Structure formats: C-alpha cells, structure tokens
C-alpha cells in the first residue's frame, strides 16, 4: 500500500462548508478510483487541512495527487485553497479498528 499526504491552507470561506463539499463530492469520487483503500480529510487547525489517501499501488497514489489538484482547481476555487505540501510513500505499518470502515460524514 502507498499513501499520499496533502496539506492545504484555506484562504476563504468556512472550514465546515469546505469539509461538507469534500465529503459530499471528492471523497465519493476518489473512493471509486482503481486501487483505492482509504481517504481521510482532517481539520488540522489554523485554517489548514491535511488529507491522507491510501492506494494499493504507488502509481495509483501518485495519480490521486493529480486528481486532487484538478478537483481543487475546478470545484473549490471559491475557497482559495493553496496546496502547501505533498508527501508520499509506502505504508510500512498499518492498523485500523472496525469503525474506520464506516464513512465519517461532515
């Protein structure tokens, strides 16, 4: 498994409105991509958002970065999101409780 971690700064609008749109639209779209394993969007405070996406293969995780960039540009321009950081790598240790399999909604 491979993870992509993206960090954004919110430039306009509310975090609640942004997360609602991410939940309603982007999370559903990325979950349909080949090799998808998991996606989380986290309000990390001070108008920053961090997302963690996990795919089965490295190329799939890397492709998710392009998908996210396009979606932010096309669908979230009213939030003036700035992508400040992208990290990626192989998941070497993983644990999850059963409730992680249930979608969290905002």
PDB file of N, CA and C in Angstrom:
ATOM      1  N   UNK A   1       0.840  -1.181   0.000  1.00  0.00           N
ATOM      2  CA  UNK A   1       0.000   0.000   0.000  1.00  0.00           C
ATOM      3  C   UNK A   1       0.883   1.240   0.000  1.00  0.00           C
ATOM      4  N   UNK A   2       0.340   2.298  -0.601  1.00  0.00           N
ATOM      5  CA  UNK A   2       1.056   3.560  -0.693  1.00  0.00           C
ATOM      6  C   UNK A   2       0.137   4.698  -0.262  1.00  0.00           C
ATOM      7  N   UNK A   3       0.715   5.653   0.441  1.00  0.00           N
ATOM      8  CA  UNK A   3      -0.051   6.789   0.952  1.00  0.00           C
ATOM      9  C   UNK A   3       0.395   8.076   0.292  1.00  0.00           C
ATOM     10  N   UNK A   4      -0.559   8.977   0.163  1.00  0.00           N
ATOM     11  CA  UNK A   4      -0.280  10.346  -0.259  1.00  0.00           C
ATOM     12  C   UNK A   4      -0.862  11.260   0.803  1.00  0.00           C
ATOM     13  N   UNK A   5      -0.031  12.157   1.310  1.00  0.00           N
ATOM     14  CA  UNK A   5      -0.460  13.112   2.332  1.00  0.00           C
ATOM     15  C   UNK A   5      -0.347  14.502   1.718  1.00  0.00           C
ATOM     16  N   UNK A   6      -1.480  15.192   1.680  1.00  0.00           N
ATOM     17  CA  UNK A   6      -1.518  16.532   1.085  1.00  0.00           C
ATOM     18  C   UNK A   6      -1.966  17.523   2.158  1.00  0.00           C
ATOM     19  N   UNK A   7      -1.339  18.681   2.144  1.00  0.00           N
ATOM     20  CA  UNK A   7      -1.703  19.730   3.111  1.00  0.00           C
ATOM     21  C   UNK A   7      -2.110  20.980   2.346  1.00  0.00           C
ATOM     22  N   UNK A   8      -3.185  21.616   2.836  1.00  0.00           N
ATOM     23  CA  UNK A   8      -3.742  22.806   2.193  1.00  0.00           C
ATOM     24  C   UNK A   8      -3.963  23.903   3.217  1.00  0.00           C
ATOM     25  N   UNK A   9      -3.966  25.143   2.728  1.00  0.00           N
ATOM     26  CA  UNK A   9      -4.338  26.298   3.549  1.00  0.00           C
ATOM     27  C   UNK A   9      -5.610  26.879   2.957  1.00  0.00           C
ATOM     28  N   UNK A  10      -6.604  27.081   3.819  1.00  0.00           N
ATOM     29  CA  UNK A  10      -7.889  27.647   3.432  1.00  0.00           C
ATOM     30  C   UNK A  10      -7.752  29.157   3.355  1.00  0.00           C
ATOM     31  N   UNK A  11      -8.055  29.729   2.190  1.00  0.00           N
ATOM     32  CA  UNK A  11      -7.897  31.166   2.007  1.00  0.00           C
ATOM     33  C   UNK A  11      -9.186  31.949   2.127  1.00  0.00           C
ATOM     34  N   UNK A  12     -10.334  31.284   1.948  1.00  0.00           N
ATOM     35  CA  UNK A  12     -11.628  31.973   2.002  1.00  0.00           C
ATOM     36  C   UNK A  12     -12.709  30.959   2.350  1.00  0.00           C
ATOM     37  N   UNK A  13     -13.807  31.459   2.900  1.00  0.00           N
ATOM     38  CA  UNK A  13     -14.917  30.579   3.228  1.00  0.00           C
ATOM     39  C   UNK A  13     -14.718  29.869   4.558  1.00  0.00           C
ATOM     40  N   UNK A  14     -15.666  28.993   4.864  1.00  0.00           N
ATOM     41  CA  UNK A  14     -15.627  28.307   6.166  1.00  0.00           C
ATOM     42  C   UNK A  14     -15.134  26.873   6.024  1.00  0.00           C
ATOM     43  N   UNK A  15     -14.466  26.414   7.060  1.00  0.00           N
ATOM     44  CA  UNK A  15     -13.983  25.038   7.102  1.00  0.00           C
ATOM     45  C   UNK A  15     -15.158  24.067   7.014  1.00  0.00           C
ATOM     46  N   UNK A  16     -16.255  24.360   7.702  1.00  0.00           N
ATOM     47  CA  UNK A  16     -17.424  23.471   7.663  1.00  0.00           C
ATOM     48  C   UNK A  16     -17.964  23.317   6.250  1.00  0.00           C
ATOM     49  N   UNK A  17     -18.091  24.430   5.525  1.00  0.00           N
ATOM     50  CA  UNK A  17     -18.591  24.365   4.149  1.00  0.00           C
ATOM     51  C   UNK A  17     -17.631  23.587   3.256  1.00  0.00           C
ATOM     52  N   UNK A  18     -16.339  23.830   3.430  1.00  0.00           N
ATOM     53  CA  UNK A  18     -15.340  23.120   2.644  1.00  0.00           C
ATOM     54  C   UNK A  18     -15.416  21.613   2.907  1.00  0.00           C
ATOM     55  N   UNK A  19     -15.414  21.229   4.165  1.00  0.00           N
ATOM     56  CA  UNK A  19     -15.422  19.805   4.506  1.00  0.00           C
ATOM     57  C   UNK A  19     -16.709  19.136   4.042  1.00  0.00           C
ATOM     58  N   UNK A  20     -17.817  19.861   4.095  1.00  0.00           N
ATOM     59  CA  UNK A  20     -19.075  19.293   3.603  1.00  0.00           C
ATOM     60  C   UNK A  20     -18.952  18.970   2.110  1.00  0.00           C
ATOM     61  N   UNK A  21     -18.375  19.875   1.344  1.00  0.00           N
ATOM     62  CA  UNK A  21     -18.229  19.657  -0.091  1.00  0.00           C
ATOM     63  C   UNK A  21     -17.240  18.528  -0.383  1.00  0.00           C
ATOM     64  N   UNK A  22     -16.148  18.480   0.379  1.00  0.00           N
ATOM     65  CA  UNK A  22     -15.179  17.389   0.210  1.00  0.00           C
ATOM     66  C   UNK A  22     -15.853  16.055   0.501  1.00  0.00           C
ATOM     67  N   UNK A  23     -16.627  16.004   1.573  1.00  0.00           N
ATOM     68  CA  UNK A  23     -17.324  14.777   1.956  1.00  0.00           C
ATOM     69  C   UNK A  23     -18.329  14.368   0.889  1.00  0.00           C
ATOM     70  N   UNK A  24     -19.111  15.296   0.444  1.00  0.00           N
ATOM     71  CA  UNK A  24     -20.201  15.011  -0.493  1.00  0.00           C
ATOM     72  C   UNK A  24     -19.686  14.633  -1.884  1.00  0.00           C
ATOM     73  N   UNK A  25     -18.620  15.293  -2.335  1.00  0.00           N
ATOM     74  CA  UNK A  25     -18.201  15.135  -3.728  1.00  0.00           C
ATOM     75  C   UNK A  25     -16.854  14.425  -3.900  1.00  0.00           C
ATOM     76  N   UNK A  26     -15.798  14.988  -3.333  1.00  0.00           N
ATOM     77  CA  UNK A  26     -14.473  14.441  -3.611  1.00  0.00           C
ATOM     78  C   UNK A  26     -14.265  13.062  -2.987  1.00  0.00           C
ATOM     79  N   UNK A  27     -14.654  12.886  -1.734  1.00  0.00           N
ATOM     80  CA  UNK A  27     -14.439  11.592  -1.072  1.00  0.00           C
ATOM     81  C   UNK A  27     -15.146  10.472  -1.828  1.00  0.00           C
ATOM     82  N   UNK A  28     -16.336  10.769  -2.323  1.00  0.00           N
ATOM     83  CA  UNK A  28     -17.071   9.767  -3.104  1.00  0.00           C
ATOM     84  C   UNK A  28     -16.362   9.479  -4.425  1.00  0.00           C
ATOM     85  N   UNK A  29     -15.843  10.512  -5.065  1.00  0.00           N
ATOM     86  CA  UNK A  29     -15.157  10.328  -6.350  1.00  0.00           C
ATOM     87  C   UNK A  29     -13.867   9.541  -6.200  1.00  0.00           C
ATOM     88  N   UNK A  30     -13.062   9.875  -5.206  1.00  0.00           N
ATOM     89  CA  UNK A  30     -11.771   9.196  -5.065  1.00  0.00           C
ATOM     90  C   UNK A  30     -11.957   7.741  -4.627  1.00  0.00           C
ATOM     91  N   UNK A  31     -13.030   7.480  -3.907  1.00  0.00           N
ATOM     92  CA  UNK A  31     -13.305   6.109  -3.481  1.00  0.00           C
ATOM     93  C   UNK A  31     -13.607   5.187  -4.659  1.00  0.00           C
ATOM     94  N   UNK A  32     -13.947   5.749  -5.808  1.00  0.00           N
ATOM     95  CA  UNK A  32     -14.246   4.956  -6.998  1.00  0.00           C
ATOM     96  C   UNK A  32     -13.004   4.678  -7.855  1.00  0.00           C
ATOM     97  N   UNK A  33     -11.884   5.294  -7.509  1.00  0.00           N
ATOM     98  CA  UNK A  33     -10.663   5.119  -8.291  1.00  0.00           C
ATOM     99  C   UNK A  33     -10.079   3.718  -8.089  1.00  0.00           C
ATOM    100  N   UNK A  34      -9.477   3.149  -9.136  1.00  0.00           N
ATOM    101  CA  UNK A  34      -8.867   1.819  -9.017  1.00  0.00           C
ATOM    102  C   UNK A  34      -7.792   1.784  -7.935  1.00  0.00           C
ATOM    103  N   UNK A  35      -7.815   0.754  -7.118  1.00  0.00           N
ATOM    104  CA  UNK A  35      -6.818   0.564  -6.083  1.00  0.00           C
ATOM    105  C   UNK A  35      -7.070   1.322  -4.799  1.00  0.00           C
ATOM    106  N   UNK A  36      -8.188   2.038  -4.718  1.00  0.00           N
ATOM    107  CA  UNK A  36      -8.488   2.830  -3.524  1.00  0.00           C
ATOM    108  C   UNK A  36      -8.572   1.939  -2.287  1.00  0.00           C
ATOM    109  N   UNK A  37      -7.979   2.430  -1.180  1.00  0.00           N
ATOM    110  CA  UNK A  37      -8.057   1.747   0.117  1.00  0.00           C
ATOM    111  C   UNK A  37      -8.742   2.636   1.149  1.00  0.00           C
ATOM    112  N   UNK A  38      -8.284   3.895   1.295  1.00  0.00           N
ATOM    113  CA  UNK A  38      -8.834   4.756   2.352  1.00  0.00           C
ATOM    114  C   UNK A  38      -8.570   6.222   2.029  1.00  0.00           C
ATOM    115  N   UNK A  39      -9.430   7.077   2.598  1.00  0.00           N
ATOM    116  CA  UNK A  39      -9.267   8.530   2.467  1.00  0.00           C
ATOM    117  C   UNK A  39      -9.746   9.190   3.752  1.00  0.00           C
ATOM    118  N   UNK A  40      -8.961  10.121   4.257  1.00  0.00           N
ATOM    119  CA  UNK A  40      -9.352  10.949   5.392  1.00  0.00           C
ATOM    120  C   UNK A  40      -9.015  12.399   5.081  1.00  0.00           C
ATOM    121  N   UNK A  41      -9.911  13.306   5.477  1.00  0.00           N
ATOM    122  CA  UNK A  41      -9.654  14.744   5.405  1.00  0.00           C
ATOM    123  C   UNK A  41      -9.735  15.261   6.831  1.00  0.00           C
ATOM    124  N   UNK A  42      -8.701  15.975   7.271  1.00  0.00           N
ATOM    125  CA  UNK A  42      -8.544  16.348   8.673  1.00  0.00           C
ATOM    126  C   UNK A  42      -8.410  17.857   8.801  1.00  0.00           C
ATOM    127  N   UNK A  43      -9.222  18.437   9.667  1.00  0.00           N
ATOM    128  CA  UNK A  43      -9.071  19.851  10.015  1.00  0.00           C
ATOM    129  C   UNK A  43      -7.917  19.919  11.009  1.00  0.00           C
ATOM    130  N   UNK A  44      -6.769  20.405  10.558  1.00  0.00           N
ATOM    131  CA  UNK A  44      -5.570  20.424  11.400  1.00  0.00           C
ATOM    132  C   UNK A  44      -5.349  21.782  12.073  1.00  0.00           C
ATOM    133  N   UNK A  45      -6.397  22.616  12.079  1.00  0.00           N
ATOM    134  CA  UNK A  45      -6.337  23.881  12.801  1.00  0.00           C
ATOM    135  C   UNK A  45      -5.649  24.984  12.025  1.00  0.00           C
ATOM    136  N   UNK A  46      -5.875  26.209  12.462  1.00  0.00           N
ATOM    137  CA  UNK A  46      -5.252  27.394  11.857  1.00  0.00           C
ATOM    138  C   UNK A  46      -5.500  27.459  10.347  1.00  0.00           C
ATOM    139  N   UNK A  47      -6.741  27.113   9.941  1.00  0.00           N
ATOM    140  CA  UNK A  47      -7.144  27.139   8.528  1.00  0.00           C
ATOM    141  C   UNK A  47      -6.319  26.210   7.651  1.00  0.00           C
ATOM    142  N   UNK A  48      -5.891  25.066   8.202  1.00  0.00           N
ATOM    143  CA  UNK A  48      -5.181  24.075   7.406  1.00  0.00           C
ATOM    144  C   UNK A  48      -5.965  22.766   7.378  1.00  0.00           C
ATOM    145  N   UNK A  49      -5.832  22.079   6.268  1.00  0.00           N
ATOM    146  CA  UNK A  49      -6.467  20.792   6.048  1.00  0.00           C
ATOM    147  C   UNK A  49      -5.383  19.829   5.626  1.00  0.00           C
ATOM    148  N   UNK A  50      -5.409  18.629   6.157  1.00  0.00           N
ATOM    149  CA  UNK A  50      -4.497  17.578   5.736  1.00  0.00           C
ATOM    150  C   UNK A  50      -5.337  16.394   5.286  1.00  0.00           C
ATOM    151  N   UNK A  51      -5.001  15.856   4.114  1.00  0.00           N
ATOM    152  CA  UNK A  51      -5.701  14.664   3.645  1.00  0.00           C
ATOM    153  C   UNK A  51      -4.708  13.524   3.551  1.00  0.00           C
ATOM    154  N   UNK A  52      -5.206  12.334   3.844  1.00  0.00           N
ATOM    155  CA  UNK A  52      -4.409  11.118   3.744  1.00  0.00           C
ATOM    156  C   UNK A  52      -5.175  10.166   2.836  1.00  0.00           C
ATOM    157  N   UNK A  53      -4.538   9.772   1.749  1.00  0.00           N
ATOM    158  CA  UNK A  53      -5.152   8.866   0.794  1.00  0.00           C
ATOM    159  C   UNK A  53      -4.264   7.641   0.673  1.00  0.00           C
ATOM    160  N   UNK A  54      -4.862   6.469   0.718  1.00  0.00           N
ATOM    161  CA  UNK A  54      -4.096   5.230   0.606  1.00  0.00           C
ATOM    162  C   UNK A  54      -4.629   4.419  -0.570  1.00  0.00           C
ATOM    163  N   UNK A  55      -3.686   3.980  -1.408  1.00  0.00           N
ATOM    164  CA  UNK A  55      -3.994   3.132  -2.554  1.00  0.00           C
ATOM    165  C   UNK A  55      -3.125   1.886  -2.510  1.00  0.00           C
ATOM    166  N   UNK A  56      -3.515   0.895  -3.271  1.00  0.00           N
ATOM    167  CA  UNK A  56      -2.766  -0.361  -3.285  1.00  0.00           C
ATOM    168  C   UNK A  56      -1.375  -0.212  -3.919  1.00  0.00           C
ATOM    169  N   UNK A  57      -1.286   0.612  -4.962  1.00  0.00           N
ATOM    170  CA  UNK A  57      -0.012   0.755  -5.676  1.00  0.00           C
ATOM    171  C   UNK A  57       0.466   2.197  -5.664  1.00  0.00           C
ATOM    172  N   UNK A  58       1.769   2.359  -5.822  1.00  0.00           N
ATOM    173  CA  UNK A  58       2.385   3.687  -5.809  1.00  0.00           C
ATOM    174  C   UNK A  58       1.854   4.574  -6.932  1.00  0.00           C
ATOM    175  N   UNK A  59       1.736   4.031  -8.143  1.00  0.00           N
ATOM    176  CA  UNK A  59       1.257   4.846  -9.255  1.00  0.00           C
ATOM    177  C   UNK A  59      -0.174   5.329  -9.031  1.00  0.00           C
ATOM    178  N   UNK A  60      -0.985   4.534  -8.350  1.00  0.00           N
ATOM    179  CA  UNK A  60      -2.356   4.936  -8.036  1.00  0.00           C
ATOM    180  C   UNK A  60      -2.369   6.065  -7.017  1.00  0.00           C
ATOM    181  N   UNK A  61      -1.502   5.974  -6.013  1.00  0.00           N
ATOM    182  CA  UNK A  61      -1.407   7.040  -5.005  1.00  0.00           C
ATOM    183  C   UNK A  61      -0.919   8.336  -5.653  1.00  0.00           C
ATOM    184  N   UNK A  62       0.061   8.222  -6.540  1.00  0.00           N
ATOM    185  CA  UNK A  62       0.563   9.411  -7.234  1.00  0.00           C
ATOM    186  C   UNK A  62      -0.507  10.016  -8.138  1.00  0.00           C
ATOM    187  N   UNK A  63      -1.283   9.181  -8.790  1.00  0.00           N
ATOM    188  CA  UNK A  63      -2.364   9.674  -9.651  1.00  0.00           C
ATOM    189  C   UNK A  63      -3.410  10.423  -8.833  1.00  0.00           C
ATOM    190  N   UNK A  64      -3.590  10.019  -7.584  1.00  0.00           N
ATOM    191  CA  UNK A  64      -4.571  10.708  -6.728  1.00  0.00           C
ATOM    192  C   UNK A  64      -4.161  12.155  -6.477  1.00  0.00           C
ATOM    193  N   UNK A  65      -2.852  12.440  -6.496  1.00  0.00           N
ATOM    194  CA  UNK A  65      -2.394  13.824  -6.330  1.00  0.00           C
ATOM    195  C   UNK A  65      -2.869  14.691  -7.488  1.00  0.00           C
ATOM    196  N   UNK A  66      -2.802  14.137  -8.702  1.00  0.00           N
ATOM    197  CA  UNK A  66      -3.258  14.883  -9.878  1.00  0.00           C
ATOM    198  C   UNK A  66      -4.775  15.046  -9.862  1.00  0.00           C
ATOM    199  N   UNK A  67      -5.477  13.996  -9.475  1.00  0.00           N
ATOM    200  CA  UNK A  67      -6.928  14.062  -9.372  1.00  0.00           C
ATOM    201  C   UNK A  67      -7.337  15.132  -8.368  1.00  0.00           C
ATOM    202  N   UNK A  68      -6.681  15.141  -7.207  1.00  0.00           N
ATOM    203  CA  UNK A  68      -6.999  16.132  -6.172  1.00  0.00           C
ATOM    204  C   UNK A  68      -6.690  17.541  -6.646  1.00  0.00           C
ATOM    205  N   UNK A  69      -5.559  17.728  -7.295  1.00  0.00           N
ATOM    206  CA  UNK A  69      -5.187  19.069  -7.769  1.00  0.00           C
ATOM    207  C   UNK A  69      -6.216  19.589  -8.768  1.00  0.00           C
ATOM    208  N   UNK A  70      -6.628  18.761  -9.689  1.00  0.00           N
ATOM    209  CA  UNK A  70      -7.629  19.173 -10.666  1.00  0.00           C
ATOM    210  C   UNK A  70      -8.960  19.480 -10.026  1.00  0.00           C
ATOM    211  N   UNK A  71      -9.360  18.654  -9.080  1.00  0.00           N
ATOM    212  CA  UNK A  71     -10.649  18.856  -8.415  1.00  0.00           C
ATOM    213  C   UNK A  71     -10.646  20.141  -7.590  1.00  0.00           C
ATOM    214  N   UNK A  72      -9.566  20.395  -6.869  1.00  0.00           N
ATOM    215  CA  UNK A  72      -9.452  21.630  -6.088  1.00  0.00           C
ATOM    216  C   UNK A  72      -9.533  22.841  -7.019  1.00  0.00           C
ATOM    217  N   UNK A  73      -8.801  22.790  -8.101  1.00  0.00           N
ATOM    218  CA  UNK A  73      -8.783  23.898  -9.054  1.00  0.00           C
ATOM    219  C   UNK A  73     -10.168  24.136  -9.669  1.00  0.00           C
ATOM    220  N   UNK A  74     -10.860  23.066 -10.065  1.00  0.00           N
ATOM    221  CA  UNK A  74     -12.135  23.188 -10.765  1.00  0.00           C
ATOM    222  C   UNK A  74     -13.341  23.372  -9.852  1.00  0.00           C
ATOM    223  N   UNK A  75     -13.316  22.756  -8.677  1.00  0.00           N
ATOM    224  CA  UNK A  75     -14.513  22.711  -7.835  1.00  0.00           C
ATOM    225  C   UNK A  75     -14.441  23.545  -6.558  1.00  0.00           C
ATOM    226  N   UNK A  76     -13.241  23.940  -6.150  1.00  0.00           N
ATOM    227  CA  UNK A  76     -13.107  24.618  -4.854  1.00  0.00           C
ATOM    228  C   UNK A  76     -12.452  25.993  -4.972  1.00  0.00           C
ATOM    229  N   UNK A  77     -12.533  26.613  -6.131  1.00  0.00           N
ATOM    230  CA  UNK A  77     -11.876  27.905  -6.312  1.00  0.00           C
ATOM    231  C   UNK A  77     -12.422  28.961  -5.355  1.00  0.00           C
ATOM    232  N   UNK A  78     -13.683  28.842  -4.959  1.00  0.00           N
ATOM    233  CA  UNK A  78     -14.262  29.822  -4.039  1.00  0.00           C
ATOM    234  C   UNK A  78     -13.657  29.756  -2.633  1.00  0.00           C
ATOM    235  N   UNK A  79     -12.907  28.692  -2.324  1.00  0.00           N
ATOM    236  CA  UNK A  79     -12.256  28.578  -1.019  1.00  0.00           C
ATOM    237  C   UNK A  79     -10.798  29.039  -1.054  1.00  0.00           C
ATOM    238  N   UNK A  80     -10.305  29.386  -2.219  1.00  0.00           N
ATOM    239  CA  UNK A  80      -8.921  29.853  -2.382  1.00  0.00           C
ATOM    240  C   UNK A  80      -7.935  28.924  -1.667  1.00  0.00           C
ATOM    241  N   UNK A  81      -8.087  27.607  -1.909  1.00  0.00           N
ATOM    242  CA  UNK A  81      -7.196  26.629  -1.280  1.00  0.00           C
ATOM    243  C   UNK A  81      -5.821  26.681  -1.922  1.00  0.00           C
ATOM    244  N   UNK A  82      -4.816  26.649  -1.080  1.00  0.00           N
ATOM    245  CA  UNK A  82      -3.427  26.588  -1.534  1.00  0.00           C
ATOM    246  C   UNK A  82      -2.837  25.267  -1.054  1.00  0.00           C
ATOM    247  N   UNK A  83      -2.375  24.445  -1.987  1.00  0.00           N
ATOM    248  CA  UNK A  83      -1.717  23.195  -1.588  1.00  0.00           C
ATOM    249  C   UNK A  83      -0.304  23.543  -1.177  1.00  0.00           C
ATOM    250  N   UNK A  84       0.022  23.304   0.082  1.00  0.00           N
ATOM    251  CA  UNK A  84       1.305  23.732   0.628  1.00  0.00           C
ATOM    252  C   UNK A  84       2.332  22.610   0.717  1.00  0.00           C
ATOM    253  N   UNK A  85       1.868  21.351   0.681  1.00  0.00           N
ATOM    254  CA  UNK A  85       2.818  20.263   0.883  1.00  0.00           C
ATOM    255  C   UNK A  85       2.209  18.958   0.372  1.00  0.00           C
ATOM    256  N   UNK A  86       3.045  18.126  -0.217  1.00  0.00           N
ATOM    257  CA  UNK A  86       2.639  16.778  -0.622  1.00  0.00           C
ATOM    258  C   UNK A  86       3.754  15.820  -0.237  1.00  0.00           C
ATOM    259  N   UNK A  87       3.394  14.771   0.463  1.00  0.00           N
ATOM    260  CA  UNK A  87       4.324  13.705   0.828  1.00  0.00           C
ATOM    261  C   UNK A  87       3.732  12.388   0.361  1.00  0.00           C
ATOM    262  N   UNK A  88       4.557  11.427   0.119  1.00  0.00           N
ATOM    263  CA  UNK A  88       4.049  10.114  -0.244  1.00  0.00           C
ATOM    264  C   UNK A  88       5.062   9.054   0.104  1.00  0.00           C
ATOM    265  N   UNK A  89       4.570   7.822   0.197  1.00  0.00           N
ATOM    266  CA  UNK A  89       5.475   6.723   0.463  1.00  0.00           C
ATOM    267  C   UNK A  89       4.741   5.434   0.731  1.00  0.00           C
ATOM    268  N   UNK A  90       5.523   4.392   0.868  1.00  0.00           N
ATOM    269  CA  UNK A  90       4.969   3.069   1.125  1.00  0.00           C
ATOM    270  C   UNK A  90       4.500   2.965   2.572  1.00  0.00           C
ATOM    271  N   UNK A  91       3.314   2.425   2.751  1.00  0.00           N
ATOM    272  CA  UNK A  91       2.794   2.181   4.094  1.00  0.00           C
ATOM    273  C   UNK A  91       3.522   0.953   4.626  1.00  0.00           C
ATOM    274  N   UNK A  92       4.267   1.132   5.697  1.00  0.00           N
ATOM    275  CA  UNK A  92       5.083   0.047   6.244  1.00  0.00           C
ATOM    276  C   UNK A  92       4.436  -0.624   7.454  1.00  0.00           C
ATOM    277  N   UNK A  93       3.599   0.098   8.179  1.00  0.00           N
ATOM    278  CA  UNK A  93       2.884  -0.442   9.339  1.00  0.00           C
ATOM    279  C   UNK A  93       1.472   0.117   9.283  1.00  0.00           C
ATOM    280  N   UNK A  94       0.487  -0.720   9.513  1.00  0.00           N
ATOM    281  CA  UNK A  94      -0.898  -0.265   9.441  1.00  0.00           C
ATOM    282  C   UNK A  94      -1.762  -1.041  10.427  1.00  0.00           C
ATOM    283  N   UNK A  95      -2.625  -0.338  11.117  1.00  0.00           N
ATOM    284  CA  UNK A  95      -3.644  -0.926  11.986  1.00  0.00           C
ATOM    285  C   UNK A  95      -4.897  -0.094  11.830  1.00  0.00           C
ATOM    286  N   UNK A  96      -6.035  -0.713  11.980  1.00  0.00           N
ATOM    287  CA  UNK A  96      -7.293   0.022  11.920  1.00  0.00           C
ATOM    288  C   UNK A  96      -8.342  -0.713  12.741  1.00  0.00           C
ATOM    289  N   UNK A  97      -9.152   0.056  13.439  1.00  0.00           N
ATOM    290  CA  UNK A  97     -10.294  -0.506  14.150  1.00  0.00           C
ATOM    291  C   UNK A  97     -11.440  -0.664  13.157  1.00  0.00           C
ATOM    292  N   UNK A  98     -12.391  -1.491  13.477  1.00  0.00           N
ATOM    293  CA  UNK A  98     -13.508  -1.775  12.571  1.00  0.00           C
ATOM    294  C   UNK A  98     -14.255  -0.511  12.172  1.00  0.00           C
ATOM    295  N   UNK A  99     -14.384   0.459  13.079  1.00  0.00           N
ATOM    296  CA  UNK A  99     -15.169   1.652  12.744  1.00  0.00           C
ATOM    297  C   UNK A  99     -14.526   2.509  11.659  1.00  0.00           C
ATOM    298  N   UNK A 100     -13.256   2.297  11.353  1.00  0.00           N
ATOM    299  CA  UNK A 100     -12.635   3.044  10.267  1.00  0.00           C
ATOM    300  C   UNK A 100     -13.255   2.638   8.924  1.00  0.00           C
ATOM    301  N   UNK A 101     -13.918   1.513   8.876  1.00  0.00           N
ATOM    302  CA  UNK A 101     -14.567   1.080   7.649  1.00  0.00           C
ATOM    303  C   UNK A 101     -15.901   1.777   7.402  1.00  0.00           C
ATOM    304  N   UNK A 102     -16.424   2.455   8.410  1.00  0.00           N
ATOM    305  CA  UNK A 102     -17.661   3.222   8.267  1.00  0.00           C
ATOM    306  C   UNK A 102     -17.320   4.641   7.887  1.00  0.00           C
ATOM    307  N   UNK A 103     -17.942   5.186   6.833  1.00  0.00           N
ATOM    308  CA  UNK A 103     -17.641   6.572   6.438  1.00  0.00           C
ATOM    309  C   UNK A 103     -17.980   7.584   7.543  1.00  0.00           C
ATOM    310  N   UNK A 104     -17.067   8.492   7.785  1.00  0.00           N
ATOM    311  CA  UNK A 104     -17.332   9.622   8.671  1.00  0.00           C
ATOM    312  C   UNK A 104     -17.861  10.730   7.781  1.00  0.00           C
ATOM    313  N   UNK A 105     -18.952  11.371   8.176  1.00  0.00           N
ATOM    314  CA  UNK A 105     -19.532  12.424   7.329  1.00  0.00           C
ATOM    315  C   UNK A 105     -19.537  13.746   8.042  1.00  0.00           C
ATOM    316  N   UNK A 106     -19.353  14.768   7.231  1.00  0.00           N
ATOM    317  CA  UNK A 106     -19.422  16.137   7.756  1.00  0.00           C
ATOM    318  C   UNK A 106     -20.515  16.849   7.021  1.00  0.00           C
TER     319      UNK A 106
END
